[in-house]
Each structure stands twice: as C-alpha cells, then as structure tokens.
Amino acid sequence: MATTLFLAKMLGLFFLITGLAALTTRKHFIHVVKDMFKNNFSSYFFGVLLLVIGLLLVLQHNVWKGTLNIVVSLVGWYVILEAVCYLFIPRHAMKKGVKLMKYKGLYYASVLIDLVLAVYLVITGFGIKL
C-alpha cells in the first residue's frame, strides 16, 4: 500500500502541474508538441523515455484490486501504450494526431481528464478529507 500511495502522490502532482500548465499555456504547449515531431530523434527518444517510465511503473505496481491500485496500474499501462505509439507509429501519422489539438474543445477535454485524474490521485494519495 505504501508504494500505491507514493505513486498516487507522485503521479497526481505530476498530472496536476502539467495539466495546469497545459490549461494556461495552450499555444505554447501545442508548439512544444509540434516541435517534438520535427525530427525522428526527438520522437524516438521521447518514446524510449516513456517506455522506461511505463515499465518502471508496471514492474513496480501492477495491482488489480482496489480502485486506487487499479488507477495507478492503468496509468502505467497507458504510459507503455503511449510509448509504443511513439516508437512504432510513423512520424507523419503522429503529426496528424497533433493537428487535433487545434480544436479547443478536444484539447480542453483532454486537459480536463488529466486534471480530474490528478485531483483524484492527490486527494486519495494524500488522504485529504473533503
């Protein structure tokens, strides 16, 4: 349980900070993501980095009993899935996905999902009573 709470706190704070940054700096965030796909090295490196992080999460925490355990485990598997996409999907196809970020509604919906996940993980991980 200590590992679950640690990961919930860490992931929750990560999603909270990056979600708020994405919420308040949309144009900058879109430019950063676009720049990542300008060459093969940066997208490949990011994929490898995500794969390492995802594997660390899953190898350390792959527990499927209890809501918090499941959420933390799903985040790990999602990171691995995202890494595989960066490594195997051609760069031109990934650029098409980045173009979807131009649609404000879709962009803010994805940021909202991150923030809801962040709030859940922070509240549960830190044991905040509402």
Protein backbone atom coordinates (compact mmCIF):
# COMPACT_ATOMS: atom_id res chain seq x y z
CA MET A 1 0.00 0.00 0.00
CA ALA A 2 2.92 2.35 0.65
CA THR A 3 4.02 2.01 -2.99
CA THR A 4 0.49 2.73 -4.19
CA LEU A 5 0.21 5.86 -2.05
CA PHE A 6 3.66 7.08 -3.12
CA LEU A 7 2.84 6.59 -6.82
CA ALA A 8 -0.60 8.19 -6.38
CA LYS A 9 1.02 11.27 -4.82
CA MET A 10 3.78 11.48 -7.42
CA LEU A 11 1.52 10.87 -10.43
CA GLY A 12 -1.20 13.11 -9.02
CA LEU A 13 1.17 16.04 -8.54
CA PHE A 14 2.70 15.41 -11.98
CA PHE A 15 -0.70 15.42 -13.71
CA LEU A 16 -1.83 18.43 -11.68
CA ILE A 17 1.21 20.54 -12.56
CA THR A 18 1.36 19.52 -16.24
CA GLY A 19 -2.42 19.76 -16.57
CA LEU A 20 -2.47 23.30 -15.18
CA ALA A 21 0.44 24.23 -17.44
CA ALA A 22 -1.40 22.82 -20.48
CA LEU A 23 -4.59 24.62 -19.39
CA THR A 24 -2.92 28.02 -19.07
CA THR A 25 -0.39 27.85 -21.94
CA ARG A 26 -2.28 26.11 -24.75
CA LYS A 27 -0.46 27.74 -27.69
CA HIS A 28 2.96 27.15 -26.16
CA PHE A 29 2.08 23.53 -25.35
CA ILE A 30 0.95 22.90 -28.93
CA HIS A 31 4.21 24.35 -30.28
CA VAL A 32 6.26 22.15 -27.95
CA VAL A 33 4.42 19.02 -29.09
CA LYS A 34 4.75 20.02 -32.77
CA ASP A 35 8.48 20.59 -32.32
CA MET A 36 8.83 17.10 -30.88
CA PHE A 37 7.83 15.61 -34.25
CA LYS A 38 10.14 17.73 -36.39
CA ASN A 39 12.81 15.03 -36.39
CA ASN A 40 12.99 11.31 -35.81
CA PHE A 41 15.40 11.50 -32.90
CA SER A 42 13.21 13.57 -30.57
CA SER A 43 10.08 11.47 -31.09
CA TYR A 44 12.10 8.23 -30.77
CA PHE A 45 13.88 9.48 -27.65
CA PHE A 46 10.58 10.53 -26.08
CA GLY A 47 9.13 7.09 -26.87
CA VAL A 48 12.10 5.34 -25.25
CA LEU A 49 11.85 7.61 -22.20
CA LEU A 50 8.12 6.90 -21.86
CA LEU A 51 8.77 3.17 -22.26
CA VAL A 52 11.30 3.19 -19.42
CA ILE A 53 8.92 5.14 -17.17
CA GLY A 54 5.97 2.92 -18.06
CA LEU A 55 7.93 -0.28 -17.48
CA LEU A 56 9.16 1.02 -14.13
CA LEU A 57 5.59 1.82 -13.11
CA VAL A 58 4.19 -1.53 -14.23
CA LEU A 59 7.03 -3.64 -12.85
CA GLN A 60 6.79 -1.85 -9.51
CA HIS A 61 2.99 -1.66 -9.37
CA ASN A 62 0.70 -3.97 -11.30
CA VAL A 63 -2.09 -4.48 -8.76
CA TRP A 64 -5.69 -5.01 -9.84
CA LYS A 65 -7.57 -4.99 -6.53
CA GLY A 66 -8.96 -1.75 -5.14
CA THR A 67 -9.81 1.43 -7.03
CA LEU A 68 -6.61 3.35 -6.30
CA ASN A 69 -4.45 0.34 -7.16
CA ILE A 70 -6.28 -0.11 -10.46
CA VAL A 71 -6.00 3.57 -11.41
CA VAL A 72 -2.25 3.62 -10.68
CA SER A 73 -1.74 0.38 -12.65
CA LEU A 74 -3.78 1.71 -15.58
CA VAL A 75 -1.61 4.83 -15.71
CA GLY A 76 1.47 2.62 -16.01
CA TRP A 77 -0.04 0.55 -18.81
CA TYR A 78 -1.24 3.72 -20.57
CA VAL A 79 2.30 5.13 -20.50
CA ILE A 80 3.60 1.91 -22.08
CA LEU A 81 0.90 2.10 -24.76
CA GLU A 82 1.77 5.71 -25.50
CA ALA A 83 5.48 4.79 -25.71
CA VAL A 84 4.73 2.02 -28.20
CA CYS A 85 2.80 4.53 -30.31
CA TYR A 86 5.77 6.92 -30.34
CA LEU A 87 8.13 4.09 -31.27
CA PHE A 88 6.06 2.33 -33.94
CA ILE A 89 3.61 4.79 -35.49
CA PRO A 90 5.21 6.76 -38.33
CA ARG A 91 6.00 10.39 -37.56
CA HIS A 92 3.68 11.72 -40.30
CA ALA A 93 0.75 9.84 -38.74
CA MET A 94 1.57 11.21 -35.28
CA LYS A 95 1.63 14.73 -36.75
CA LYS A 96 -1.99 14.23 -37.83
CA GLY A 97 -2.87 13.45 -34.22
CA VAL A 98 -1.15 16.64 -33.09
CA LYS A 99 -3.34 18.61 -35.51
CA LEU A 100 -6.36 17.54 -33.43
CA MET A 101 -5.01 19.74 -30.64
CA LYS A 102 -6.06 22.78 -32.71
CA TYR A 103 -9.68 22.04 -31.76
CA LYS A 104 -10.16 23.84 -28.47
CA GLY A 105 -12.97 21.61 -27.25
CA LEU A 106 -10.97 18.42 -27.78
CA TYR A 107 -7.84 19.98 -26.30
CA TYR A 108 -9.57 21.21 -23.16
CA ALA A 109 -11.48 17.94 -22.77
CA SER A 110 -8.19 16.03 -22.66
CA VAL A 111 -6.73 18.54 -20.19
CA LEU A 112 -9.85 18.16 -18.05
CA ILE A 113 -9.39 14.38 -17.98
CA ASP A 114 -5.79 14.89 -16.79
CA LEU A 115 -6.92 17.31 -14.10
CA VAL A 116 -9.72 15.05 -12.85
CA LEU A 117 -7.26 12.17 -12.66
CA ALA A 118 -4.79 14.46 -10.87
CA VAL A 119 -7.33 15.60 -8.29
CA TYR A 120 -8.42 12.01 -7.60
CA LEU A 121 -4.83 10.81 -7.17
CA VAL A 122 -3.81 13.78 -4.97
CA ILE A 123 -6.88 13.56 -2.74
CA THR A 124 -6.63 9.79 -2.38
CA GLY A 125 -2.84 9.62 -2.17
CA PHE A 126 -2.51 12.32 0.45
CA GLY A 127 -5.64 11.16 2.29
CA ILE A 128 -7.36 14.53 2.03
CA LYS A 129 -10.80 14.51 3.63
CA LEU A 130 -13.41 16.62 1.88
